[in-house]
C-alpha atoms as a PDB file:
ATOM      1  CA  MET A   1      20.099  -1.994   6.676  1.00  0.00           C
ATOM      2  CA  ASN A   2      22.913  -4.342   7.735  1.00  0.00           C
ATOM      3  CA  ASP A   3      20.525  -6.321   9.943  1.00  0.00           C
ATOM      4  CA  ALA A   4      18.163  -6.711   6.990  1.00  0.00           C
ATOM      5  CA  LEU A   5      20.992  -7.825   4.715  1.00  0.00           C
ATOM      6  CA  ASP A   6      22.245 -10.377   7.262  1.00  0.00           C
ATOM      7  CA  ALA A   7      18.736 -11.761   7.710  1.00  0.00           C
ATOM      8  CA  LEU A   8      18.164 -12.072   3.960  1.00  0.00           C
ATOM      9  CA  ARG A   9      21.474 -13.897   3.509  1.00  0.00           C
ATOM     10  CA  THR A  10      20.648 -16.281   6.370  1.00  0.00           C
ATOM     11  CA  MET A  11      17.096 -17.306   5.495  1.00  0.00           C
ATOM     12  CA  ASP A  12      16.410 -20.257   3.205  1.00  0.00           C
ATOM     13  CA  ALA A  13      12.660 -20.938   3.213  1.00  0.00           C
ATOM     14  CA  PRO A  14      10.996 -17.685   4.279  1.00  0.00           C
ATOM     15  CA  LEU A  15       7.353 -16.685   4.172  1.00  0.00           C
ATOM     16  CA  LEU A  16       6.748 -13.224   2.700  1.00  0.00           C
ATOM     17  CA  VAL A  17       3.668 -11.331   3.852  1.00  0.00           C
ATOM     18  CA  GLY A  18       2.219  -7.902   3.144  1.00  0.00           C
ATOM     19  CA  HIS A  19      -0.686  -5.798   4.332  1.00  0.00           C
ATOM     20  CA  GLN A  20      -4.407  -6.323   3.888  1.00  0.00           C
ATOM     21  CA  VAL A  21      -5.867  -4.965   0.627  1.00  0.00           C
ATOM     22  CA  PRO A  22      -2.421  -4.849  -1.022  1.00  0.00           C
ATOM     23  CA  ASP A  23      -1.541  -1.937  -3.281  1.00  0.00           C
ATOM     24  CA  ALA A  24       1.074  -1.881  -6.047  1.00  0.00           C
ATOM     25  CA  ASP A  25       3.920  -1.169  -3.621  1.00  0.00           C
ATOM     26  CA  CYS A  26       2.944  -4.101  -1.410  1.00  0.00           C
ATOM     27  CA  ILE A  27       2.527  -6.474  -4.367  1.00  0.00           C
ATOM     28  CA  GLY A  28       5.645  -5.242  -6.146  1.00  0.00           C
ATOM     29  CA  SER A  29       7.919  -5.479  -3.114  1.00  0.00           C
ATOM     30  CA  LEU A  30       6.512  -8.881  -2.071  1.00  0.00           C
ATOM     31  CA  LEU A  31       6.816 -10.545  -5.445  1.00  0.00           C
ATOM     32  CA  GLY A  32       9.966  -8.712  -6.529  1.00  0.00           C
ATOM     33  CA  LEU A  33      11.850  -9.864  -3.426  1.00  0.00           C
ATOM     34  CA  ALA A  34      10.400 -13.388  -3.608  1.00  0.00           C
ATOM     35  CA  LEU A  35      11.410 -13.755  -7.247  1.00  0.00           C
ATOM     36  CA  ALA A  36      14.933 -12.507  -6.497  1.00  0.00           C
ATOM     37  CA  MET A  37      15.202 -15.017  -3.643  1.00  0.00           C
ATOM     38  CA  ARG A  38      14.039 -17.838  -5.860  1.00  0.00           C
ATOM     39  CA  ASN A  39      16.583 -16.882  -8.518  1.00  0.00           C
ATOM     40  CA  VAL A  40      19.454 -17.279  -6.018  1.00  0.00           C
ATOM     41  CA  GLY A  41      18.303 -20.711  -4.853  1.00  0.00           C
ATOM     42  CA  LYS A  42      16.138 -19.858  -1.853  1.00  0.00           C
ATOM     43  CA  ARG A  43      12.633 -21.263  -1.363  1.00  0.00           C
ATOM     44  CA  PRO A  44      10.326 -18.362  -0.587  1.00  0.00           C
ATOM     45  CA  ARG A  45       6.555 -18.591  -0.322  1.00  0.00           C
ATOM     46  CA  VAL A  46       4.205 -15.621  -0.494  1.00  0.00           C
ATOM     47  CA  ILE A  47       0.794 -14.991   1.034  1.00  0.00           C
ATOM     48  CA  LEU A  48      -1.119 -13.157  -1.674  1.00  0.00           C
ATOM     49  CA  SER A  49      -4.648 -14.225  -2.499  1.00  0.00           C
ATOM     50  CA  ASP A  50      -5.929 -13.432  -5.993  1.00  0.00           C
ATOM     51  CA  GLY A  51      -9.150 -12.241  -4.367  1.00  0.00           C
ATOM     52  CA  ASP A  52      -7.224  -9.558  -2.484  1.00  0.00           C
ATOM     53  CA  VAL A  53      -5.722  -8.009  -5.617  1.00  0.00           C
ATOM     54  CA  SER A  54      -7.670  -5.262  -7.377  1.00  0.00           C
ATOM     55  CA  GLN A  55      -8.780  -5.547 -10.996  1.00  0.00           C
ATOM     56  CA  ARG A  56      -6.334  -2.819 -11.947  1.00  0.00           C
ATOM     57  CA  LEU A  57      -3.341  -4.628 -10.422  1.00  0.00           C
ATOM     58  CA  ALA A  58      -4.329  -8.191 -11.343  1.00  0.00           C
ATOM     59  CA  PHE A  59      -1.652  -8.313 -14.065  1.00  0.00           C
ATOM     60  CA  LEU A  60       1.266  -7.814 -11.637  1.00  0.00           C
ATOM     61  CA  PRO A  61       1.385 -11.342 -10.107  1.00  0.00           C
ATOM     62  CA  GLY A  62       1.917 -12.696 -13.624  1.00  0.00           C
ATOM     63  CA  PHE A  63       5.504 -11.400 -13.495  1.00  0.00           C
ATOM     64  CA  ALA A  64       6.224 -13.847 -10.654  1.00  0.00           C
ATOM     65  CA  ALA A  65       3.938 -16.748 -11.524  1.00  0.00           C
ATOM     66  CA  GLU A  66       6.629 -19.269 -10.523  1.00  0.00           C
ATOM     67  CA  VAL A  67       6.746 -18.030  -6.922  1.00  0.00           C
ATOM     68  CA  GLU A  68       4.925 -20.418  -4.582  1.00  0.00           C
ATOM     69  CA  ARG A  69       1.801 -19.091  -2.867  1.00  0.00           C
ATOM     70  CA  ALA A  70       0.954 -19.982   0.729  1.00  0.00           C
ATOM     71  CA  GLY A  71      -2.317 -20.002   2.625  1.00  0.00           C
ATOM     72  CA  GLY A  72      -0.802 -19.451   6.062  1.00  0.00           C
ATOM     73  CA  TYR A  73       2.204 -20.078   8.288  1.00  0.00           C
ATOM     74  CA  SER A  74       2.271 -23.849   7.724  1.00  0.00           C
ATOM     75  CA  PRO A  75       4.684 -25.478   7.011  1.00  0.00           C
ATOM     76  CA  ARG A  76       6.718 -23.387   9.437  1.00  0.00           C
ATOM     77  CA  PRO A  77       9.077 -21.000   7.609  1.00  0.00           C
ATOM     78  CA  ASP A  78      12.565 -20.285   8.908  1.00  0.00           C
ATOM     79  CA  TRP A  79      11.811 -16.522   8.680  1.00  0.00           C
ATOM     80  CA  ILE A  80       8.838 -14.278   8.079  1.00  0.00           C
ATOM     81  CA  VAL A  81       9.451 -11.169   5.978  1.00  0.00           C
ATOM     82  CA  ALA A  82       6.828  -8.445   6.362  1.00  0.00           C
ATOM     83  CA  LEU A  83       6.850  -5.851   3.598  1.00  0.00           C
ATOM     84  CA  ASP A  84       5.110  -2.461   3.399  1.00  0.00           C
ATOM     85  CA  THR A  85       3.178  -3.238   6.597  1.00  0.00           C
ATOM     86  CA  ALA A  86       3.153  -0.783   9.494  1.00  0.00           C
ATOM     87  CA  ALA A  87       1.712  -3.079  12.187  1.00  0.00           C
ATOM     88  CA  ALA A  88       1.569  -6.808  12.852  1.00  0.00           C
ATOM     89  CA  LYS A  89      -2.227  -6.642  13.096  1.00  0.00           C
ATOM     90  CA  ARG A  90      -2.383  -5.554   9.431  1.00  0.00           C
ATOM     91  CA  ILE A  91      -0.516  -8.595   8.027  1.00  0.00           C
ATOM     92  CA  ASN A  92      -2.545 -10.335   5.330  1.00  0.00           C
ATOM     93  CA  ALA A  93      -2.321 -13.845   6.823  1.00  0.00           C
ATOM     94  CA  PRO A  94      -5.593 -15.595   7.720  1.00  0.00           C
ATOM     95  CA  GLU A  95      -4.416 -16.162  11.306  1.00  0.00           C
ATOM     96  CA  LYS A  96      -2.855 -13.472  13.468  1.00  0.00           C
ATOM     97  CA  LEU A  97       0.881 -13.511  14.038  1.00  0.00           C
ATOM     98  CA  ALA A  98       0.264 -13.224  17.793  1.00  0.00           C
ATOM     99  CA  THR A  99      -1.532 -16.597  17.809  1.00  0.00           C
ATOM    100  CA  LEU A 100       1.559 -18.551  16.744  1.00  0.00           C
ATOM    101  CA  SER A 101       2.978 -20.620  19.601  1.00  0.00           C
ATOM    102  CA  ASP A 102       6.524 -20.669  18.218  1.00  0.00           C
ATOM    103  CA  PRO A 103       6.851 -17.799  15.735  1.00  0.00           C
ATOM    104  CA  PRO A 104       9.933 -17.664  13.493  1.00  0.00           C
ATOM    105  CA  PRO A 105      12.126 -14.546  13.492  1.00  0.00           C
ATOM    106  CA  LEU A 106      10.584 -11.690  11.514  1.00  0.00           C
ATOM    107  CA  LEU A 107      12.245  -9.168   9.220  1.00  0.00           C
ATOM    108  CA  ASN A 108      10.225  -5.961   8.883  1.00  0.00           C
ATOM    109  CA  ILE A 109      10.945  -3.829   5.776  1.00  0.00           C
ATOM    110  CA  ASP A 110       8.802  -0.731   5.440  1.00  0.00           C
ATOM    111  CA  HIS A 111       8.594   3.020   4.843  1.00  0.00           C
ATOM    112  CA  HIS A 112       5.556   4.030   6.912  1.00  0.00           C
ATOM    113  CA  GLN A 113       6.081   6.748   9.495  1.00  0.00           C
ATOM    114  CA  THR A 114       3.834   4.896  11.961  1.00  0.00           C
ATOM    115  CA  ASN A 115       5.616   1.521  11.689  1.00  0.00           C
ATOM    116  CA  GLU A 116       5.544  -0.226  15.070  1.00  0.00           C
ATOM    117  CA  LYS A 117       8.968  -1.936  14.648  1.00  0.00           C
ATOM    118  CA  PHE A 118       7.389  -5.320  15.336  1.00  0.00           C
ATOM    119  CA  GLY A 119      10.169  -7.424  13.797  1.00  0.00           C
ATOM    120  CA  SER A 120      13.143  -9.288  15.201  1.00  0.00           C
ATOM    121  CA  ALA A 121      15.009  -7.125  12.705  1.00  0.00           C
ATOM    122  CA  ASN A 122      13.576  -3.870  11.349  1.00  0.00           C
ATOM    123  CA  TRP A 123      14.608  -1.712   8.418  1.00  0.00           C
ATOM    124  CA  VAL A 124      12.114   1.140   8.405  1.00  0.00           C
ATOM    125  CA  VAL A 125      12.953   4.232   6.325  1.00  0.00           C
ATOM    126  CA  PRO A 126      10.103   6.789   6.512  1.00  0.00           C
ATOM    127  CA  GLU A 127      11.818   9.160   4.083  1.00  0.00           C
ATOM    128  CA  ALA A 128      11.767   6.501   1.345  1.00  0.00           C
ATOM    129  CA  GLY A 129       9.051   6.925  -1.279  1.00  0.00           C
ATOM    130  CA  SER A 130       8.083   3.245  -1.242  1.00  0.00           C
ATOM    131  CA  THR A 131       8.997  -0.171   0.105  1.00  0.00           C
ATOM    132  CA  SER A 132       9.783  -1.274  -3.458  1.00  0.00           C
ATOM    133  CA  GLU A 133      12.510   1.374  -3.519  1.00  0.00           C
ATOM    134  CA  LEU A 134      14.018  -0.195  -0.384  1.00  0.00           C
ATOM    135  CA  VAL A 135      13.831  -3.720  -1.813  1.00  0.00           C
ATOM    136  CA  GLY A 136      15.701  -2.523  -4.894  1.00  0.00           C
ATOM    137  CA  GLU A 137      18.457  -1.129  -2.663  1.00  0.00           C
ATOM    138  CA  LEU A 138      18.670  -4.393  -0.720  1.00  0.00           C
ATOM    139  CA  LEU A 139      18.999  -6.466  -3.887  1.00  0.00           C
ATOM    140  CA  GLU A 140      21.759  -4.197  -5.156  1.00  0.00           C
ATOM    141  CA  ALA A 141      23.629  -4.403  -1.848  1.00  0.00           C
ATOM    142  CA  LEU A 142      23.306  -8.201  -1.830  1.00  0.00           C
ATOM    143  CA  GLY A 143      24.465  -8.472  -5.424  1.00  0.00           C
ATOM    144  CA  TRP A 144      21.380 -10.509  -6.333  1.00  0.00           C
ATOM    145  CA  PRO A 145      20.407 -10.173 -10.018  1.00  0.00           C
ATOM    146  CA  ILE A 146      17.565  -7.790 -10.831  1.00  0.00           C
ATOM    147  CA  THR A 147      15.889  -9.346 -13.858  1.00  0.00           C
ATOM    148  CA  ALA A 148      13.384  -7.555 -16.077  1.00  0.00           C
ATOM    149  CA  PRO A 149      10.347  -9.062 -14.239  1.00  0.00           C
ATOM    150  CA  ILE A 150      11.779  -8.038 -10.850  1.00  0.00           C
ATOM    151  CA  ALA A 151      12.538  -4.554 -12.172  1.00  0.00           C
ATOM    152  CA  THR A 152       8.993  -4.228 -13.527  1.00  0.00           C
ATOM    153  CA  LEU A 153       7.419  -5.250 -10.202  1.00  0.00           C
ATOM    154  CA  LEU A 154       9.574  -2.855  -8.179  1.00  0.00           C
ATOM    155  CA  TYR A 155       9.105   0.026 -10.624  1.00  0.00           C
ATOM    156  CA  ALA A 156       5.323  -0.451 -10.396  1.00  0.00           C
ATOM    157  CA  GLY A 157       5.524  -0.115  -6.617  1.00  0.00           C
ATOM    158  CA  ILE A 158       7.673   3.010  -6.743  1.00  0.00           C
ATOM    159  CA  TYR A 159       5.552   4.643  -9.449  1.00  0.00           C
ATOM    160  CA  GLU A 160       2.260   4.043  -7.672  1.00  0.00           C
ATOM    161  CA  ASP A 161       3.349   5.002  -4.168  1.00  0.00           C
ATOM    162  CA  THR A 162       4.801   8.289  -5.419  1.00  0.00           C
ATOM    163  CA  LEU A 163       1.795   9.012  -7.696  1.00  0.00           C
ATOM    164  CA  GLY A 164       3.987   8.960 -10.756  1.00  0.00           C
ATOM    165  CA  PHE A 165       6.887  10.708  -8.940  1.00  0.00           C
ATOM    166  CA  SER A 166       4.642  13.701  -8.169  1.00  0.00           C
ATOM    167  CA  LEU A 167       4.445  13.752  -4.357  1.00  0.00           C
ATOM    168  CA  PRO A 168       6.344  16.299  -2.241  1.00  0.00           C
ATOM    169  CA  GLY A 169       8.541  13.643  -0.651  1.00  0.00           C
ATOM    170  CA  VAL A 170       9.916  12.286  -3.932  1.00  0.00           C
ATOM    171  CA  SER A 171      13.691  12.320  -3.636  1.00  0.00           C
ATOM    172  CA  GLU A 172      16.722  11.925  -5.826  1.00  0.00           C
ATOM    173  CA  ARG A 173      17.091   8.518  -4.163  1.00  0.00           C
ATOM    174  CA  ALA A 174      13.695   7.370  -5.451  1.00  0.00           C
ATOM    175  CA  LEU A 175      14.277   8.714  -8.956  1.00  0.00           C
ATOM    176  CA  ALA A 176      17.747   7.182  -9.152  1.00  0.00           C
ATOM    177  CA  GLY A 177      16.406   3.822  -7.977  1.00  0.00           C
ATOM    178  CA  ALA A 178      13.649   3.934 -10.583  1.00  0.00           C
ATOM    179  CA  ALA A 179      16.166   4.829 -13.289  1.00  0.00           C
ATOM    180  CA  ARG A 180      18.293   1.805 -12.383  1.00  0.00           C
ATOM    181  CA  LEU A 181      15.201  -0.404 -12.637  1.00  0.00           C
ATOM    182  CA  VAL A 182      14.487   0.968 -16.115  1.00  0.00           C
ATOM    183  CA  GLY A 183      18.072   0.098 -17.004  1.00  0.00           C
ATOM    184  CA  ALA A 184      17.455  -3.423 -15.685  1.00  0.00           C
ATOM    185  CA  GLY A 185      14.519  -3.881 -18.048  1.00  0.00           C
ATOM    186  CA  ALA A 186      11.406  -2.573 -16.267  1.00  0.00           C
ATOM    187  CA  ASP A 187       8.556  -2.513 -18.787  1.00  0.00           C
ATOM    188  CA  VAL A 188       7.593   1.143 -18.371  1.00  0.00           C
ATOM    189  CA  ALA A 189       5.309   1.180 -21.414  1.00  0.00           C
ATOM    190  CA  LEU A 190       3.264  -1.783 -20.188  1.00  0.00           C
ATOM    191  CA  LEU A 191       3.008  -0.330 -16.687  1.00  0.00           C
ATOM    192  CA  GLY A 192       1.817   2.997 -18.077  1.00  0.00           C
ATOM    193  CA  GLU A 193      -0.853   1.249 -20.106  1.00  0.00           C
ATOM    194  CA  LYS A 194      -2.052  -0.991 -17.264  1.00  0.00           C
ATOM    195  CA  LEU A 195      -1.788   1.433 -14.354  1.00  0.00           C
ATOM    196  CA  VAL A 196      -2.906   4.658 -16.012  1.00  0.00           C
ATOM    197  CA  ARG A 197      -4.827   3.934 -19.200  1.00  0.00           C
ATOM    198  CA  SER A 198      -6.857   0.774 -18.509  1.00  0.00           C
ATOM    199  CA  GLN A 199     -10.231   0.639 -16.763  1.00  0.00           C
ATOM    200  CA  THR A 200     -13.001  -1.946 -16.618  1.00  0.00           C
ATOM    201  CA  MET A 201     -16.637  -0.881 -16.766  1.00  0.00           C
ATOM    202  CA  SER A 202     -17.144  -1.718 -13.082  1.00  0.00           C
ATOM    203  CA  GLU A 203     -14.139   0.428 -12.156  1.00  0.00           C
ATOM    204  CA  PHE A 204     -15.625   3.204 -14.275  1.00  0.00           C
ATOM    205  CA  ARG A 205     -18.946   2.948 -12.398  1.00  0.00           C
ATOM    206  CA  LEU A 206     -17.103   3.066  -9.063  1.00  0.00           C
ATOM    207  CA  LEU A 207     -15.160   6.150 -10.113  1.00  0.00           C
ATOM    208  CA  LYS A 208     -18.359   7.815 -11.342  1.00  0.00           C
ATOM    209  CA  THR A 209     -19.886   7.234  -7.900  1.00  0.00           C
ATOM    210  CA  VAL A 210     -16.861   8.868  -6.262  1.00  0.00           C
ATOM    211  CA  TYR A 211     -17.258  11.910  -8.533  1.00  0.00           C
ATOM    212  CA  ASP A 212     -21.024  12.127  -7.970  1.00  0.00           C
ATOM    213  CA  ASN A 213     -20.668  11.887  -4.182  1.00  0.00           C
ATOM    214  CA  THR A 214     -17.840  14.377  -3.735  1.00  0.00           C
ATOM    215  CA  ARG A 215     -18.648  17.156  -1.295  1.00  0.00           C
ATOM    216  CA  LEU A 216     -16.818  20.354  -0.362  1.00  0.00           C
ATOM    217  CA  SER A 217     -16.843  22.177   2.980  1.00  0.00           C
ATOM    218  CA  ALA A 218     -18.193  25.717   3.114  1.00  0.00           C
ATOM    219  CA  ALA A 219     -14.681  27.128   3.347  1.00  0.00           C
ATOM    220  CA  GLY A 220     -13.510  24.998   0.420  1.00  0.00           C
ATOM    221  CA  ARG A 221     -10.522  23.546   2.299  1.00  0.00           C
ATOM    222  CA  LEU A 222     -11.946  20.092   2.994  1.00  0.00           C
ATOM    223  CA  ALA A 223     -13.351  17.679   0.399  1.00  0.00           C
ATOM    224  CA  TRP A 224     -14.632  14.139   0.766  1.00  0.00           C
ATOM    225  CA  SER A 225     -16.501  11.462  -1.098  1.00  0.00           C
ATOM    226  CA  THR A 226     -18.366   8.320  -0.097  1.00  0.00           C
ATOM    227  CA  VAL A 227     -19.084   4.874  -1.490  1.00  0.00           C
ATOM    228  CA  SER A 228     -21.687   3.002   0.576  1.00  0.00           C
ATOM    229  CA  HIS A 229     -22.063  -0.767   0.585  1.00  0.00           C
ATOM    230  CA  GLY A 230     -25.057  -0.555  -1.743  1.00  0.00           C
ATOM    231  CA  GLU A 231     -23.082   1.581  -4.184  1.00  0.00           C
ATOM    232  CA  PHE A 232     -20.212  -0.908  -4.058  1.00  0.00           C
ATOM    233  CA  VAL A 233     -22.556  -3.737  -4.982  1.00  0.00           C
ATOM    234  CA  ALA A 234     -24.131  -1.686  -7.770  1.00  0.00           C
ATOM    235  CA  SER A 235     -20.745  -0.893  -9.299  1.00  0.00           C
ATOM    236  CA  GLY A 236     -19.680  -4.540  -9.423  1.00  0.00           C
ATOM    237  CA  CYS A 237     -16.414  -3.783  -7.621  1.00  0.00           C
ATOM    238  CA  ALA A 238     -14.828  -5.350  -4.541  1.00  0.00           C
ATOM    239  CA  ALA A 239     -13.006  -3.881  -1.534  1.00  0.00           C
ATOM    240  CA  SER A 240      -9.673  -4.421  -3.274  1.00  0.00           C
ATOM    241  CA  ASP A 241     -10.744  -2.025  -6.040  1.00  0.00           C
ATOM    242  CA  ILE A 242     -10.622   0.994  -3.726  1.00  0.00           C
ATOM    243  CA  ASP A 243      -7.185   2.357  -4.485  1.00  0.00           C
ATOM    244  CA  ASN A 244      -6.402   5.969  -5.277  1.00  0.00           C
ATOM    245  CA  GLN A 245      -9.926   7.248  -5.977  1.00  0.00           C
ATOM    246  CA  VAL A 246      -9.343   9.696  -3.124  1.00  0.00           C
ATOM    247  CA  ALA A 247      -7.507  11.691  -5.805  1.00  0.00           C
ATOM    248  CA  VAL A 248     -10.941  12.884  -7.021  1.00  0.00           C
ATOM    249  CA  PRO A 249     -11.688  15.136  -4.018  1.00  0.00           C
ATOM    250  CA  ARG A 250      -7.978  15.788  -3.508  1.00  0.00           C
ATOM    251  CA  ASN A 251      -7.604  17.319  -6.973  1.00  0.00           C
ATOM    252  CA  LEU A 252     -10.047  20.161  -6.279  1.00  0.00           C
ATOM    253  CA  VAL A 253      -8.306  23.539  -6.210  1.00  0.00           C
ATOM    254  CA  GLY A 254      -8.003  24.991  -2.720  1.00  0.00           C
ATOM    255  CA  VAL A 255      -8.515  21.692  -0.881  1.00  0.00           C
ATOM    256  CA  GLN A 256      -6.044  21.044   1.949  1.00  0.00           C
ATOM    257  CA  VAL A 257      -7.455  17.728   3.199  1.00  0.00           C
ATOM    258  CA  ALA A 258      -9.315  15.109   1.167  1.00  0.00           C
ATOM    259  CA  MET A 259     -11.008  11.921   2.355  1.00  0.00           C
ATOM    260  CA  LEU A 260     -12.665   8.905   0.784  1.00  0.00           C
ATOM    261  CA  PHE A 261     -15.099   6.805   2.842  1.00  0.00           C
ATOM    262  CA  SER A 262     -15.792   3.321   1.469  1.00  0.00           C
ATOM    263  CA  GLU A 263     -17.987   0.547   2.870  1.00  0.00           C
ATOM    264  CA  ALA A 264     -17.187  -2.667   1.019  1.00  0.00           C
ATOM    265  CA  GLU A 265     -18.707  -4.626   3.919  1.00  0.00           C
ATOM    266  CA  PRO A 266     -21.726  -3.320   5.859  1.00  0.00           C
ATOM    267  CA  GLY A 267     -20.603  -1.446   8.950  1.00  0.00           C
ATOM    268  CA  ASN A 268     -16.873  -1.647   8.120  1.00  0.00           C
ATOM    269  CA  VAL A 269     -15.799   1.791   6.909  1.00  0.00           C
ATOM    270  CA  ARG A 270     -12.396   2.396   5.361  1.00  0.00           C
ATOM    271  CA  ILE A 271     -11.142   5.980   5.235  1.00  0.00           C
ATOM    272  CA  ASN A 272      -8.356   7.276   2.988  1.00  0.00           C
ATOM    273  CA  PHE A 273      -6.874  10.614   4.088  1.00  0.00           C
ATOM    274  CA  ARG A 274      -4.748  12.898   1.897  1.00  0.00           C
ATOM    275  CA  GLY A 275      -3.106  16.218   2.730  1.00  0.00           C
ATOM    276  CA  LYS A 276      -1.924  18.973   0.407  1.00  0.00           C
ATOM    277  CA  GLY A 277       0.588  21.749   0.805  1.00  0.00           C
ATOM    278  CA  ASP A 278       1.831  21.871   4.384  1.00  0.00           C
ATOM    279  CA  THR A 279      -1.242  20.174   5.857  1.00  0.00           C
ATOM    280  CA  GLU A 280      -0.534  16.764   7.366  1.00  0.00           C
ATOM    281  CA  VAL A 281      -3.163  14.060   7.945  1.00  0.00           C
ATOM    282  CA  ILE A 282      -1.250  11.497   9.984  1.00  0.00           C
ATOM    283  CA  SER A 283      -2.431  12.955  13.295  1.00  0.00           C
ATOM    284  CA  LEU A 284      -6.030  12.946  12.017  1.00  0.00           C
ATOM    285  CA  ALA A 285      -5.760   9.272  11.036  1.00  0.00           C
ATOM    286  CA  LYS A 286      -4.249   8.418  14.430  1.00  0.00           C
ATOM    287  CA  ARG A 287      -7.336   9.866  16.147  1.00  0.00           C
ATOM    288  CA  PHE A 288      -9.247   6.968  14.587  1.00  0.00           C
ATOM    289  CA  ASN A 289      -6.563   4.313  15.293  1.00  0.00           C
ATOM    290  CA  GLY A 290      -5.154   4.633  11.790  1.00  0.00           C
ATOM    291  CA  GLY A 291      -1.697   5.382  10.456  1.00  0.00           C
ATOM    292  CA  GLY A 292       0.447   5.828   7.385  1.00  0.00           C
ATOM    293  CA  HIS A 293       2.449   8.806   6.182  1.00  0.00           C
ATOM    294  CA  ARG A 294       2.419  12.526   6.891  1.00  0.00           C
ATOM    295  CA  GLN A 295       0.186  13.351   3.910  1.00  0.00           C
ATOM    296  CA  SER A 296      -1.196   9.929   3.026  1.00  0.00           C
ATOM    297  CA  ALA A 297      -2.881   7.866   5.717  1.00  0.00           C
ATOM    298  CA  GLY A 298      -5.805   5.583   6.400  1.00  0.00           C
ATOM    299  CA  ALA A 299      -8.069   4.145   9.076  1.00  0.00           C
ATOM    300  CA  ARG A 300     -10.944   1.708   9.557  1.00  0.00           C
ATOM    301  CA  ILE A 301     -13.974   2.290  11.769  1.00  0.00           C
ATOM    302  CA  LEU A 302     -16.789  -0.116  12.619  1.00  0.00           C
ATOM    303  CA  GLY A 303     -20.183   1.573  12.750  1.00  0.00           C
ATOM    304  CA  ARG A 304     -23.106   2.973  10.791  1.00  0.00           C
ATOM    305  CA  PHE A 305     -21.817   4.473   7.581  1.00  0.00           C
ATOM    306  CA  ASP A 306     -23.559   7.842   7.856  1.00  0.00           C
ATOM    307  CA  GLU A 307     -22.572   8.237  11.502  1.00  0.00           C
ATOM    308  CA  VAL A 308     -18.905   7.451  10.770  1.00  0.00           C
ATOM    309  CA  VAL A 309     -18.852   9.929   7.897  1.00  0.00           C
ATOM    310  CA  ALA A 310     -20.407  12.671  10.026  1.00  0.00           C
ATOM    311  CA  ALA A 311     -18.002  12.120  12.941  1.00  0.00           C
ATOM    312  CA  VAL A 312     -14.847  12.046  10.818  1.00  0.00           C
ATOM    313  CA  VAL A 313     -15.881  15.021   8.673  1.00  0.00           C
ATOM    314  CA  SER A 314     -16.474  17.030  11.853  1.00  0.00           C
ATOM    315  CA  ALA A 315     -13.037  16.092  13.181  1.00  0.00           C
ATOM    316  CA  ALA A 316     -11.450  16.872   9.806  1.00  0.00           C
ATOM    317  CA  GLU A 317     -13.049  20.318   9.678  1.00  0.00           C
ATOM    318  CA  ALA A 318     -11.547  21.117  13.073  1.00  0.00           C
ATOM    319  CA  HIS A 319      -8.189  19.667  11.950  1.00  0.00           C
ATOM    320  CA  VAL A 320      -8.097  21.855   8.819  1.00  0.00           C
ATOM    321  CA  ALA A 321      -9.112  24.949  10.773  1.00  0.00           C
ATOM    322  CA  ALA A 322      -6.335  24.366  13.292  1.00  0.00           C
ATOM    323  CA  ALA A 323      -3.767  23.698  10.566  1.00  0.00           C
ATOM    324  CA  LEU A 324      -4.594  26.958   8.781  1.00  0.00           C
ATOM    325  CA  ALA A 325      -4.906  29.086  11.924  1.00  0.00           C
END
């Protein structure tokens, strides 16, 4: 943590980046930290394209509208800060970090178990419930003011990444951090309305497809659903709108592993893995060059949709059988 604090004190004009297809934790930690930096006289820029933000989360950037957006690494920042991103290859910049001829130092702040420690300085805390939780701790340690908009952004990230404080790994640390954000003015009522009780018609059609396509293994321990490219187009949704719909198969009683296959682009299949009880999914995701957390992971595979689904379901069936043996 001290390395992260020293880096944050030192930087003046950093570029903040997150992961591709940003979720609430990525958006909240990115914009919450950027806004806090701006409020203490620094000049942060953020890479966050409106087209990458889902319909459900489109309201969040409004809390940090004054933060400057960037399209890439130019002009050269004095630091890069990567948030909620487990690997350099997943950074949401249009050009790859590895292609830079003279890259600035990089501060890596994250909570993923599979983080590759790709920064010049790394603060990676796998036991933390979210990266937003970590950003809140950094701001408190620095003594930088946490305004109501910052608190709202960080609370959104904590709430979403812990599924409303319901996951097994939720700790006193996460709950205490969230409570301090509420005390700082986080708009809990607005977040509840936007995150839980608001849905566009296209999102409704997408969710209906996930329900209709949910399948259960013969033993009832594995469940999965699929959204093909054609079904994506028919729903009116974009890739960014795939979020936590994997909760549909996951919520079935008796299921130990749940998966959601989505094909927003033809031949590019995204897989969300979720484990329940004592069953982990991180090793299953790693088999397909993915990563994440013990019971929440993901991967991407290029190939024919039906063939990818068949191959991963077969591997998942064997994984569940081994876990329950």
